[in-house]
Amino acid sequence: MCHRFLSNRNFLLLLLAIDRDIAEKVRAENCACGGRLHVANYPRKPRGDVSCPEADFRVRLSFCCDRDGCRCRSTPPSVRFLGRKVYLGVMVVLITALRQGPTAKGSAVLQKRFGADRRTIARWQAWWKKTFTGSKFWKVTRARCVRMAKPFELPRTLINFFRADSAERMAALLRFLSPIGGSKRFYFHVF
């Protein structure tokens, strides 16, 4: 577990490709009312030193129904963005997990390198302990994770469970977490 994911251009492009794939599947399903979905992407400005030259990397993929009276927004789950957090999801997961380790040295290096303030990291820790563990998403998906070590020390337990030491495995962990950042209709659909 280290910061190589955060500075690896290919890993960031992999996350973008996964998001595009998820978005295409969502668009193909159409709106819940039966209307067609049109592109309604919006810009995101992820904090931290994220060096991905792809212009689309800073765009949150989203759709809007074309039917008058509906116009519902469908925001697909994302592996890049963890809900409304302004840092990339992989940063929130890794930095918080490193904070749980035996030393805070690794966390301090990432904190300095990517500009996450200690108060921000403390909020992330509180989010994992209270908000995430109290969410409907976790209550439902926790049952699928019966082999996880207890007590749950999130996100470190998730990293160990997914053995997220490679780009593919970290992407699988982010894919598992992705429904918490999408529209409610995708909330319990774990890809």
N, C-alpha and C. Protein backbone atom coordinates (compact mmCIF):
# COMPACT_ATOMS: atom_id res chain seq x y z
N MET A 1 0.86 -1.17 0.00
CA MET A 1 0.00 0.00 0.00
C MET A 1 0.91 1.23 0.00
N CYS A 2 0.92 1.98 -1.06
CA CYS A 2 1.73 3.19 -1.09
C CYS A 2 1.14 4.18 -2.10
N HIS A 3 1.84 5.29 -2.23
CA HIS A 3 1.31 6.36 -3.07
C HIS A 3 1.54 6.16 -4.55
N ARG A 4 2.08 5.02 -4.94
CA ARG A 4 2.34 4.82 -6.37
C ARG A 4 1.06 4.88 -7.20
N PHE A 5 -0.07 4.52 -6.60
CA PHE A 5 -1.34 4.61 -7.31
C PHE A 5 -1.70 6.05 -7.63
N LEU A 6 -1.36 6.95 -6.71
CA LEU A 6 -1.77 8.35 -6.85
C LEU A 6 -0.97 9.10 -7.89
N SER A 7 0.23 8.63 -8.17
CA SER A 7 1.06 9.34 -9.15
C SER A 7 1.26 8.53 -10.43
N ASN A 8 0.55 7.42 -10.57
CA ASN A 8 0.67 6.57 -11.73
C ASN A 8 -0.38 6.98 -12.78
N ARG A 9 0.08 7.55 -13.85
CA ARG A 9 -0.82 8.03 -14.91
C ARG A 9 -1.68 6.90 -15.46
N ASN A 10 -1.10 5.71 -15.64
CA ASN A 10 -1.86 4.58 -16.19
C ASN A 10 -2.97 4.14 -15.24
N PHE A 11 -2.71 4.19 -13.93
CA PHE A 11 -3.74 3.83 -12.96
C PHE A 11 -4.89 4.83 -13.03
N LEU A 12 -4.57 6.11 -13.13
CA LEU A 12 -5.61 7.14 -13.22
C LEU A 12 -6.42 6.98 -14.50
N LEU A 13 -5.76 6.63 -15.59
CA LEU A 13 -6.47 6.38 -16.85
C LEU A 13 -7.34 5.12 -16.75
N LEU A 14 -6.87 4.11 -16.00
CA LEU A 14 -7.68 2.92 -15.76
C LEU A 14 -8.96 3.29 -15.03
N LEU A 15 -8.86 4.14 -14.01
CA LEU A 15 -10.04 4.58 -13.27
C LEU A 15 -11.02 5.32 -14.19
N LEU A 16 -10.49 6.17 -15.05
CA LEU A 16 -11.34 6.89 -16.00
C LEU A 16 -12.03 5.91 -16.95
N ALA A 17 -11.31 4.91 -17.43
CA ALA A 17 -11.90 3.92 -18.33
C ALA A 17 -13.01 3.12 -17.63
N ILE A 18 -12.80 2.78 -16.38
CA ILE A 18 -13.84 2.06 -15.62
C ILE A 18 -15.07 2.94 -15.47
N ASP A 19 -14.86 4.22 -15.12
CA ASP A 19 -15.99 5.14 -14.99
C ASP A 19 -16.76 5.28 -16.30
N ARG A 20 -16.04 5.36 -17.41
CA ARG A 20 -16.70 5.47 -18.71
C ARG A 20 -17.52 4.21 -19.01
N ASP A 21 -16.97 3.05 -18.68
CA ASP A 21 -17.68 1.79 -18.90
C ASP A 21 -18.96 1.73 -18.07
N ILE A 22 -18.86 2.09 -16.80
CA ILE A 22 -20.04 2.11 -15.92
C ILE A 22 -21.08 3.10 -16.47
N ALA A 23 -20.61 4.28 -16.91
CA ALA A 23 -21.52 5.30 -17.42
C ALA A 23 -22.26 4.82 -18.67
N GLU A 24 -21.58 4.11 -19.55
CA GLU A 24 -22.23 3.60 -20.76
C GLU A 24 -23.31 2.58 -20.41
N LYS A 25 -23.04 1.75 -19.41
CA LYS A 25 -24.05 0.77 -18.98
C LYS A 25 -25.27 1.49 -18.41
N VAL A 26 -25.04 2.54 -17.64
CA VAL A 26 -26.15 3.31 -17.05
C VAL A 26 -26.95 3.98 -18.15
N ARG A 27 -26.27 4.57 -19.11
CA ARG A 27 -26.96 5.26 -20.20
C ARG A 27 -27.80 4.29 -21.03
N ALA A 28 -27.29 3.09 -21.23
CA ALA A 28 -28.02 2.09 -22.01
C ALA A 28 -29.30 1.65 -21.32
N GLU A 29 -29.36 1.75 -20.00
CA GLU A 29 -30.56 1.36 -19.25
C GLU A 29 -31.68 2.39 -19.35
N ASN A 30 -31.37 3.60 -19.79
CA ASN A 30 -32.33 4.70 -19.84
C ASN A 30 -32.78 5.12 -18.45
N CYS A 31 -33.65 6.10 -18.41
CA CYS A 31 -34.16 6.62 -17.14
C CYS A 31 -35.19 5.65 -16.55
N ALA A 32 -35.43 5.75 -15.27
CA ALA A 32 -36.44 4.91 -14.61
C ALA A 32 -37.82 5.14 -15.21
N CYS A 33 -38.07 6.35 -15.76
CA CYS A 33 -39.38 6.66 -16.36
C CYS A 33 -39.47 6.16 -17.81
N GLY A 34 -38.35 5.66 -18.35
CA GLY A 34 -38.34 5.17 -19.72
C GLY A 34 -37.75 6.15 -20.71
N GLY A 35 -37.48 7.38 -20.28
CA GLY A 35 -36.90 8.38 -21.17
C GLY A 35 -35.44 8.11 -21.47
N ARG A 36 -34.97 8.72 -22.56
CA ARG A 36 -33.56 8.58 -22.92
C ARG A 36 -32.70 9.48 -22.06
N LEU A 37 -31.48 9.05 -21.83
CA LEU A 37 -30.56 9.85 -21.03
C LEU A 37 -29.59 10.60 -21.94
N HIS A 38 -29.48 11.90 -21.70
CA HIS A 38 -28.53 12.75 -22.43
C HIS A 38 -27.37 13.10 -21.51
N VAL A 39 -26.23 13.34 -22.11
CA VAL A 39 -25.04 13.67 -21.34
C VAL A 39 -25.25 14.99 -20.60
N ALA A 40 -24.95 14.98 -19.31
CA ALA A 40 -25.05 16.18 -18.47
C ALA A 40 -23.88 16.18 -17.49
N ASN A 41 -22.68 15.97 -18.05
CA ASN A 41 -21.48 15.93 -17.21
C ASN A 41 -21.24 17.27 -16.55
N TYR A 42 -20.51 17.25 -15.44
CA TYR A 42 -20.16 18.50 -14.78
C TYR A 42 -18.72 18.42 -14.29
N PRO A 43 -18.06 19.58 -14.21
CA PRO A 43 -16.64 19.59 -13.83
C PRO A 43 -16.45 19.31 -12.34
N ARG A 44 -15.37 18.64 -12.03
CA ARG A 44 -14.92 18.43 -10.65
C ARG A 44 -13.48 18.91 -10.59
N LYS A 45 -13.09 19.42 -9.48
CA LYS A 45 -11.72 19.89 -9.29
C LYS A 45 -11.09 19.11 -8.15
N PRO A 46 -10.61 17.88 -8.45
CA PRO A 46 -10.05 17.09 -7.37
C PRO A 46 -8.80 17.76 -6.78
N ARG A 47 -8.76 17.82 -5.47
CA ARG A 47 -7.60 18.42 -4.80
C ARG A 47 -6.46 17.41 -4.76
N GLY A 48 -5.30 17.93 -4.48
CA GLY A 48 -4.11 17.09 -4.45
C GLY A 48 -3.36 17.23 -5.76
N ASP A 49 -2.16 16.72 -5.76
CA ASP A 49 -1.33 16.78 -6.96
C ASP A 49 -1.68 15.62 -7.87
N VAL A 50 -2.75 15.78 -8.61
CA VAL A 50 -3.22 14.73 -9.52
C VAL A 50 -2.75 15.10 -10.91
N SER A 51 -1.84 14.31 -11.42
CA SER A 51 -1.29 14.64 -12.74
C SER A 51 -1.79 13.64 -13.77
N CYS A 52 -2.98 13.89 -14.25
CA CYS A 52 -3.56 13.10 -15.34
C CYS A 52 -3.87 14.07 -16.48
N PRO A 53 -3.17 13.92 -17.60
CA PRO A 53 -3.34 14.87 -18.71
C PRO A 53 -4.70 14.78 -19.40
N GLU A 54 -5.41 13.68 -19.22
CA GLU A 54 -6.70 13.50 -19.86
C GLU A 54 -7.69 14.54 -19.34
N ALA A 55 -8.23 15.35 -20.22
CA ALA A 55 -9.16 16.42 -19.81
C ALA A 55 -10.40 15.87 -19.13
N ASP A 56 -10.88 14.71 -19.58
CA ASP A 56 -12.08 14.11 -19.00
C ASP A 56 -11.88 13.63 -17.57
N PHE A 57 -10.64 13.54 -17.12
CA PHE A 57 -10.41 13.01 -15.78
C PHE A 57 -11.05 13.88 -14.71
N ARG A 58 -11.17 15.17 -14.97
CA ARG A 58 -11.74 16.11 -14.00
C ARG A 58 -13.23 16.38 -14.27
N VAL A 59 -13.87 15.49 -15.00
CA VAL A 59 -15.29 15.63 -15.31
C VAL A 59 -16.04 14.49 -14.65
N ARG A 60 -17.12 14.84 -13.96
CA ARG A 60 -17.99 13.82 -13.34
C ARG A 60 -19.02 13.43 -14.37
N LEU A 61 -19.01 12.17 -14.76
CA LEU A 61 -19.93 11.69 -15.77
C LEU A 61 -21.33 11.62 -15.18
N SER A 62 -22.30 12.16 -15.92
CA SER A 62 -23.67 12.22 -15.44
C SER A 62 -24.61 12.34 -16.64
N PHE A 63 -25.88 12.04 -16.39
CA PHE A 63 -26.89 12.09 -17.45
C PHE A 63 -28.15 12.75 -16.93
N CYS A 64 -28.99 13.20 -17.89
CA CYS A 64 -30.25 13.83 -17.54
C CYS A 64 -31.32 13.28 -18.48
N CYS A 65 -32.49 12.98 -17.93
CA CYS A 65 -33.60 12.42 -18.72
C CYS A 65 -34.12 13.47 -19.70
N ASP A 66 -34.51 13.02 -20.90
CA ASP A 66 -35.01 13.95 -21.92
C ASP A 66 -36.51 14.18 -21.85
N ARG A 67 -37.22 13.47 -21.00
CA ARG A 67 -38.69 13.62 -20.93
C ARG A 67 -39.08 14.85 -20.13
N ASP A 68 -40.02 15.63 -20.72
CA ASP A 68 -40.58 16.77 -20.00
C ASP A 68 -41.30 16.24 -18.76
N GLY A 69 -41.13 16.95 -17.67
CA GLY A 69 -41.75 16.53 -16.43
C GLY A 69 -40.87 15.62 -15.60
N CYS A 70 -39.89 14.99 -16.21
CA CYS A 70 -39.00 14.10 -15.45
C CYS A 70 -37.67 14.82 -15.22
N ARG A 71 -36.89 14.95 -16.27
CA ARG A 71 -35.60 15.64 -16.24
C ARG A 71 -34.70 15.17 -15.08
N CYS A 72 -34.92 13.95 -14.61
CA CYS A 72 -34.12 13.41 -13.49
C CYS A 72 -32.66 13.26 -13.91
N ARG A 73 -31.79 13.56 -12.99
CA ARG A 73 -30.36 13.36 -13.20
C ARG A 73 -30.02 11.95 -12.77
N SER A 74 -29.23 11.26 -13.59
CA SER A 74 -28.70 9.94 -13.26
C SER A 74 -27.18 10.06 -13.23
N THR A 75 -26.64 9.99 -12.05
CA THR A 75 -25.20 10.06 -11.88
C THR A 75 -24.70 8.66 -11.58
N PRO A 76 -23.96 8.07 -12.52
CA PRO A 76 -23.49 6.70 -12.32
C PRO A 76 -22.48 6.61 -11.17
N PRO A 77 -22.33 5.43 -10.60
CA PRO A 77 -21.26 5.24 -9.61
C PRO A 77 -19.91 5.58 -10.24
N SER A 78 -18.97 5.99 -9.40
CA SER A 78 -17.65 6.39 -9.89
C SER A 78 -16.55 5.76 -9.04
N VAL A 79 -15.51 5.29 -9.71
CA VAL A 79 -14.34 4.79 -8.98
C VAL A 79 -13.34 5.92 -8.72
N ARG A 80 -13.50 7.04 -9.41
CA ARG A 80 -12.59 8.17 -9.18
C ARG A 80 -13.01 9.03 -8.01
N PHE A 81 -14.30 9.27 -7.89
CA PHE A 81 -14.81 10.19 -6.88
C PHE A 81 -15.59 9.42 -5.82
N LEU A 82 -15.24 9.62 -4.58
CA LEU A 82 -15.90 8.95 -3.46
C LEU A 82 -16.96 9.88 -2.91
N GLY A 83 -18.14 9.78 -3.49
CA GLY A 83 -19.23 10.66 -3.07
C GLY A 83 -18.92 12.11 -3.41
N ARG A 84 -19.16 12.99 -2.44
CA ARG A 84 -18.97 14.42 -2.66
C ARG A 84 -17.60 14.91 -2.21
N LYS A 85 -16.73 14.01 -1.83
CA LYS A 85 -15.40 14.40 -1.35
C LYS A 85 -14.62 15.05 -2.48
N VAL A 86 -13.84 16.07 -2.14
CA VAL A 86 -13.11 16.81 -3.18
C VAL A 86 -11.77 16.16 -3.52
N TYR A 87 -11.32 15.23 -2.72
CA TYR A 87 -10.13 14.46 -3.05
C TYR A 87 -10.56 13.20 -3.78
N LEU A 88 -9.66 12.63 -4.57
CA LEU A 88 -9.98 11.38 -5.25
C LEU A 88 -10.23 10.29 -4.23
N GLY A 89 -11.10 9.35 -4.58
CA GLY A 89 -11.43 8.26 -3.68
C GLY A 89 -10.23 7.46 -3.25
N VAL A 90 -9.30 7.21 -4.18
CA VAL A 90 -8.11 6.44 -3.84
C VAL A 90 -7.28 7.16 -2.78
N MET A 91 -7.26 8.49 -2.81
CA MET A 91 -6.53 9.26 -1.79
C MET A 91 -7.20 9.11 -0.43
N VAL A 92 -8.52 9.21 -0.41
CA VAL A 92 -9.25 9.09 0.86
C VAL A 92 -9.02 7.71 1.46
N VAL A 93 -9.03 6.68 0.63
CA VAL A 93 -8.83 5.32 1.12
C VAL A 93 -7.40 5.13 1.62
N LEU A 94 -6.41 5.45 0.79
CA LEU A 94 -5.02 5.18 1.15
C LEU A 94 -4.52 6.01 2.32
N ILE A 95 -4.75 7.30 2.28
CA ILE A 95 -4.23 8.16 3.34
C ILE A 95 -4.87 7.81 4.68
N THR A 96 -6.17 7.55 4.69
CA THR A 96 -6.83 7.18 5.94
C THR A 96 -6.32 5.84 6.44
N ALA A 97 -6.12 4.88 5.53
CA ALA A 97 -5.63 3.56 5.94
C ALA A 97 -4.21 3.66 6.49
N LEU A 98 -3.38 4.47 5.88
CA LEU A 98 -2.02 4.63 6.38
C LEU A 98 -2.01 5.29 7.76
N ARG A 99 -2.98 6.11 8.00
CA ARG A 99 -3.13 6.75 9.31
C ARG A 99 -3.43 5.73 10.40
N GLN A 100 -4.02 4.59 10.01
CA GLN A 100 -4.37 3.54 10.97
C GLN A 100 -3.20 2.60 11.24
N GLY A 101 -2.15 2.69 10.46
CA GLY A 101 -1.03 1.78 10.59
C GLY A 101 -0.22 2.02 11.85
N PRO A 102 0.85 1.23 12.02
CA PRO A 102 1.67 1.34 13.22
C PRO A 102 2.39 2.69 13.36
N THR A 103 2.69 3.32 12.22
CA THR A 103 3.31 4.64 12.27
C THR A 103 2.58 5.58 11.34
N ALA A 104 2.64 6.83 11.65
CA ALA A 104 1.99 7.84 10.82
C ALA A 104 2.94 8.41 9.78
N LYS A 105 4.16 7.85 9.67
CA LYS A 105 5.16 8.38 8.74
C LYS A 105 4.67 8.35 7.29
N GLY A 106 4.13 7.20 6.87
CA GLY A 106 3.63 7.08 5.50
C GLY A 106 2.51 8.07 5.23
N SER A 107 1.65 8.23 6.22
CA SER A 107 0.55 9.19 6.09
C SER A 107 1.09 10.60 5.98
N ALA A 108 2.09 10.93 6.77
CA ALA A 108 2.66 12.27 6.74
C ALA A 108 3.27 12.58 5.38
N VAL A 109 3.92 11.58 4.78
CA VAL A 109 4.52 11.78 3.45
C VAL A 109 3.42 12.06 2.43
N LEU A 110 2.36 11.24 2.45
CA LEU A 110 1.25 11.45 1.51
C LEU A 110 0.55 12.77 1.78
N GLN A 111 0.40 13.09 3.06
CA GLN A 111 -0.26 14.34 3.45
C GLN A 111 0.50 15.53 2.86
N LYS A 112 1.81 15.50 2.97
CA LYS A 112 2.63 16.59 2.45
C LYS A 112 2.62 16.59 0.92
N ARG A 113 2.76 15.43 0.31
CA ARG A 113 2.85 15.32 -1.14
C ARG A 113 1.56 15.75 -1.83
N PHE A 114 0.39 15.39 -1.24
CA PHE A 114 -0.88 15.65 -1.90
C PHE A 114 -1.71 16.73 -1.22
N GLY A 115 -1.17 17.37 -0.21
CA GLY A 115 -1.80 18.55 0.37
C GLY A 115 -3.03 18.31 1.21
N ALA A 116 -3.22 17.11 1.73
CA ALA A 116 -4.37 16.85 2.60
C ALA A 116 -4.02 17.30 4.02
N ASP A 117 -4.76 18.25 4.52
CA ASP A 117 -4.54 18.78 5.85
C ASP A 117 -4.88 17.73 6.91
N ARG A 118 -4.22 17.79 8.06
CA ARG A 118 -4.48 16.80 9.13
C ARG A 118 -5.93 16.84 9.59
N ARG A 119 -6.56 18.03 9.55
CA ARG A 119 -7.99 18.12 9.93
C ARG A 119 -8.87 17.43 8.90
N THR A 120 -8.49 17.52 7.64
CA THR A 120 -9.22 16.83 6.58
C THR A 120 -9.12 15.33 6.79
N ILE A 121 -7.92 14.85 7.09
CA ILE A 121 -7.72 13.42 7.33
C ILE A 121 -8.52 12.97 8.56
N ALA A 122 -8.58 13.81 9.58
CA ALA A 122 -9.38 13.50 10.77
C ALA A 122 -10.86 13.39 10.40
N ARG A 123 -11.34 14.25 9.50
CA ARG A 123 -12.73 14.16 9.04
C ARG A 123 -12.96 12.87 8.27
N TRP A 124 -11.97 12.47 7.46
CA TRP A 124 -12.08 11.21 6.72
C TRP A 124 -12.16 10.04 7.70
N GLN A 125 -11.33 10.07 8.72
CA GLN A 125 -11.36 9.00 9.72
C GLN A 125 -12.72 8.93 10.40
N ALA A 126 -13.26 10.07 10.75
CA ALA A 126 -14.59 10.11 11.37
C ALA A 126 -15.65 9.62 10.40
N TRP A 127 -15.52 9.96 9.12
CA TRP A 127 -16.47 9.51 8.10
C TRP A 127 -16.46 7.98 8.02
N TRP A 128 -15.27 7.37 7.97
CA TRP A 128 -15.18 5.91 7.91
C TRP A 128 -15.79 5.28 9.14
N LYS A 129 -15.53 5.84 10.32
CA LYS A 129 -15.98 5.23 11.57
C LYS A 129 -17.47 5.41 11.81
N LYS A 130 -18.02 6.55 11.46
CA LYS A 130 -19.41 6.84 11.80
C LYS A 130 -20.33 6.82 10.59
N THR A 131 -20.09 7.68 9.64
CA THR A 131 -20.99 7.83 8.50
C THR A 131 -21.01 6.58 7.63
N PHE A 132 -19.83 6.10 7.24
CA PHE A 132 -19.77 4.93 6.36
C PHE A 132 -20.33 3.69 7.05
N THR A 133 -19.90 3.41 8.28
CA THR A 133 -20.36 2.21 8.96
C THR A 133 -21.85 2.28 9.33
N GLY A 134 -22.41 3.47 9.39
CA GLY A 134 -23.83 3.63 9.67
C GLY A 134 -24.69 3.69 8.42
N SER A 135 -24.05 3.68 7.25
CA SER A 135 -24.81 3.82 5.99
C SER A 135 -25.52 2.53 5.62
N LYS A 136 -26.59 2.67 4.87
CA LYS A 136 -27.34 1.50 4.37
C LYS A 136 -26.44 0.67 3.45
N PHE A 137 -25.61 1.37 2.68
CA PHE A 137 -24.69 0.67 1.78
C PHE A 137 -23.83 -0.32 2.56
N TRP A 138 -23.20 0.13 3.64
CA TRP A 138 -22.32 -0.75 4.40
C TRP A 138 -23.11 -1.86 5.09
N LYS A 139 -24.28 -1.55 5.59
CA LYS A 139 -25.08 -2.58 6.27
C LYS A 139 -25.45 -3.71 5.32
N VAL A 140 -25.73 -3.38 4.06
CA VAL A 140 -26.07 -4.40 3.08
C VAL A 140 -24.82 -5.13 2.59
N THR A 141 -23.79 -4.39 2.23
CA THR A 141 -22.60 -5.02 1.63
C THR A 141 -21.72 -5.72 2.66
N ARG A 142 -21.81 -5.34 3.91
CA ARG A 142 -21.00 -5.99 4.95
C ARG A 142 -21.32 -7.49 5.00
N ALA A 143 -22.55 -7.83 4.74
CA ALA A 143 -22.95 -9.24 4.74
C ALA A 143 -22.20 -10.04 3.66
N ARG A 144 -21.81 -9.37 2.59
CA ARG A 144 -21.04 -10.04 1.53
C ARG A 144 -19.58 -10.21 1.90
N CYS A 145 -19.17 -9.58 2.98
CA CYS A 145 -17.77 -9.57 3.38
C CYS A 145 -17.55 -10.36 4.67
N VAL A 146 -18.19 -11.50 4.78
CA VAL A 146 -18.12 -12.27 6.01
C VAL A 146 -16.71 -12.77 6.31
N ARG A 147 -15.88 -12.87 5.31
CA ARG A 147 -14.50 -13.33 5.53
C ARG A 147 -13.58 -12.22 6.00
N MET A 148 -14.07 -11.01 6.13
CA MET A 148 -13.22 -9.91 6.58
C MET A 148 -12.85 -10.08 8.04
N ALA A 149 -11.65 -9.63 8.36
CA ALA A 149 -11.19 -9.66 9.75
C ALA A 149 -12.04 -8.72 10.59
N LYS A 150 -12.30 -9.15 11.81
CA LYS A 150 -13.06 -8.30 12.73
C LYS A 150 -12.17 -7.96 13.90
N PRO A 151 -12.27 -6.83 14.51
CA PRO A 151 -13.24 -5.78 14.22
C PRO A 151 -12.85 -5.05 12.94
N PHE A 152 -13.84 -4.44 12.30
CA PHE A 152 -13.59 -3.69 11.08
C PHE A 152 -12.84 -2.41 11.41
N GLU A 153 -11.67 -2.28 10.82
CA GLU A 153 -10.90 -1.05 10.94
C GLU A 153 -10.83 -0.48 9.52
N LEU A 154 -11.84 0.32 9.21
CA LEU A 154 -11.99 0.81 7.84
C LEU A 154 -11.18 2.08 7.62
N PRO A 155 -10.57 2.21 6.47
CA PRO A 155 -10.60 1.38 5.27
C PRO A 155 -9.52 0.30 5.22
N ARG A 156 -8.66 0.24 6.23
CA ARG A 156 -7.56 -0.73 6.23
C ARG A 156 -8.07 -2.17 6.04
N THR A 157 -9.16 -2.54 6.69
CA THR A 157 -9.71 -3.89 6.55
C THR A 157 -10.12 -4.15 5.10
N LEU A 158 -10.70 -3.16 4.44
CA LEU A 158 -11.10 -3.32 3.04
C LEU A 158 -9.87 -3.50 2.15
N ILE A 159 -8.82 -2.75 2.41
CA ILE A 159 -7.59 -2.87 1.61
C ILE A 159 -7.02 -4.27 1.76
N ASN A 160 -6.98 -4.78 2.98
CA ASN A 160 -6.47 -6.13 3.20
C ASN A 160 -7.38 -7.17 2.57
N PHE A 161 -8.69 -6.99 2.68
CA PHE A 161 -9.66 -7.93 2.11
C PHE A 161 -9.51 -8.03 0.60
N PHE A 162 -9.36 -6.88 -0.06
CA PHE A 162 -9.21 -6.85 -1.52
C PHE A 162 -7.77 -7.09 -1.96
N ARG A 163 -6.86 -7.19 -1.00
CA ARG A 163 -5.43 -7.32 -1.28
C ARG A 163 -5.02 -6.27 -2.31
N ALA A 164 -5.34 -5.03 -2.00
CA ALA A 164 -5.21 -3.91 -2.94
C ALA A 164 -3.77 -3.42 -3.06
N ASP A 165 -2.89 -4.34 -3.49
CA ASP A 165 -1.49 -3.96 -3.67
C ASP A 165 -1.11 -3.80 -5.14
N SER A 166 -2.07 -4.03 -6.02
CA SER A 166 -1.84 -3.82 -7.45
C SER A 166 -2.92 -2.89 -7.98
N ALA A 167 -2.68 -2.36 -9.16
CA ALA A 167 -3.64 -1.43 -9.76
C ALA A 167 -5.01 -2.09 -9.95
N GLU A 168 -5.02 -3.34 -10.41
CA GLU A 168 -6.29 -4.03 -10.65
C GLU A 168 -7.05 -4.27 -9.36
N ARG A 169 -6.34 -4.64 -8.31
CA ARG A 169 -7.01 -4.92 -7.03
C ARG A 169 -7.48 -3.64 -6.35
N MET A 170 -6.70 -2.58 -6.48
CA MET A 170 -7.14 -1.29 -5.93
C MET A 170 -8.37 -0.82 -6.69
N ALA A 171 -8.36 -1.01 -8.01
CA ALA A 171 -9.53 -0.64 -8.82
C ALA A 171 -10.75 -1.46 -8.39
N ALA A 172 -10.55 -2.74 -8.04
CA ALA A 172 -11.66 -3.57 -7.57
C ALA A 172 -12.22 -3.03 -6.26
N LEU A 173 -11.36 -2.59 -5.36
CA LEU A 173 -11.82 -1.99 -4.11
C LEU A 173 -12.61 -0.72 -4.39
N LEU A 174 -12.10 0.13 -5.27
CA LEU A 174 -12.80 1.37 -5.60
C LEU A 174 -14.13 1.08 -6.31
N ARG A 175 -14.17 0.03 -7.10
CA ARG A 175 -15.42 -0.37 -7.76
C ARG A 175 -16.44 -0.82 -6.71
N PHE A 176 -15.97 -1.53 -5.68
CA PHE A 176 -16.83 -1.95 -4.58
C PHE A 176 -17.45 -0.74 -3.89
N LEU A 177 -16.65 0.31 -3.68
CA LEU A 177 -17.11 1.52 -2.99
C LEU A 177 -17.89 2.46 -3.90
N SER A 178 -17.84 2.28 -5.19
CA SER A 178 -18.41 3.23 -6.15
C SER A 178 -19.89 3.55 -5.98
N PRO A 179 -20.75 2.63 -5.58
CA PRO A 179 -22.17 2.98 -5.49
C PRO A 179 -22.48 4.11 -4.50
N ILE A 180 -21.62 4.36 -3.53
CA ILE A 180 -21.93 5.43 -2.57
C ILE A 180 -21.82 6.81 -3.20
N GLY A 181 -21.25 6.90 -4.39
CA GLY A 181 -21.12 8.19 -5.05
C GLY A 181 -22.08 8.40 -6.21
N GLY A 182 -22.94 7.44 -6.46
CA GLY A 182 -23.87 7.55 -7.59
C GLY A 182 -25.26 7.95 -7.13
N SER A 183 -26.16 8.07 -8.09
CA SER A 183 -27.56 8.34 -7.78
C SER A 183 -28.13 7.22 -6.92
N LYS A 184 -29.19 7.54 -6.18
CA LYS A 184 -29.78 6.56 -5.26
C LYS A 184 -30.22 5.28 -5.96
N ARG A 185 -30.57 5.36 -7.23
CA ARG A 185 -31.04 4.16 -7.91
C ARG A 185 -29.93 3.14 -8.10
N PHE A 186 -28.67 3.56 -7.97
CA PHE A 186 -27.52 2.65 -8.11
C PHE A 186 -26.89 2.32 -6.76
N TYR A 187 -27.50 2.79 -5.70
CA TYR A 187 -26.89 2.72 -4.37
C TYR A 187 -26.52 1.31 -3.94
N PHE A 188 -27.37 0.35 -4.20
CA PHE A 188 -27.10 -0.99 -3.74
C PHE A 188 -26.63 -1.92 -4.84
N HIS A 189 -26.37 -1.37 -6.01
CA HIS A 189 -25.89 -2.18 -7.12
C HIS A 189 -24.38 -2.15 -7.11
N VAL A 190 -23.75 -3.19 -6.58
CA VAL A 190 -22.30 -3.25 -6.55
C VAL A 190 -21.83 -3.91 -7.83
N PHE A 191 -21.03 -3.19 -8.60
CA PHE A 191 -20.56 -3.69 -9.88
C PHE A 191 -19.44 -4.68 -9.66
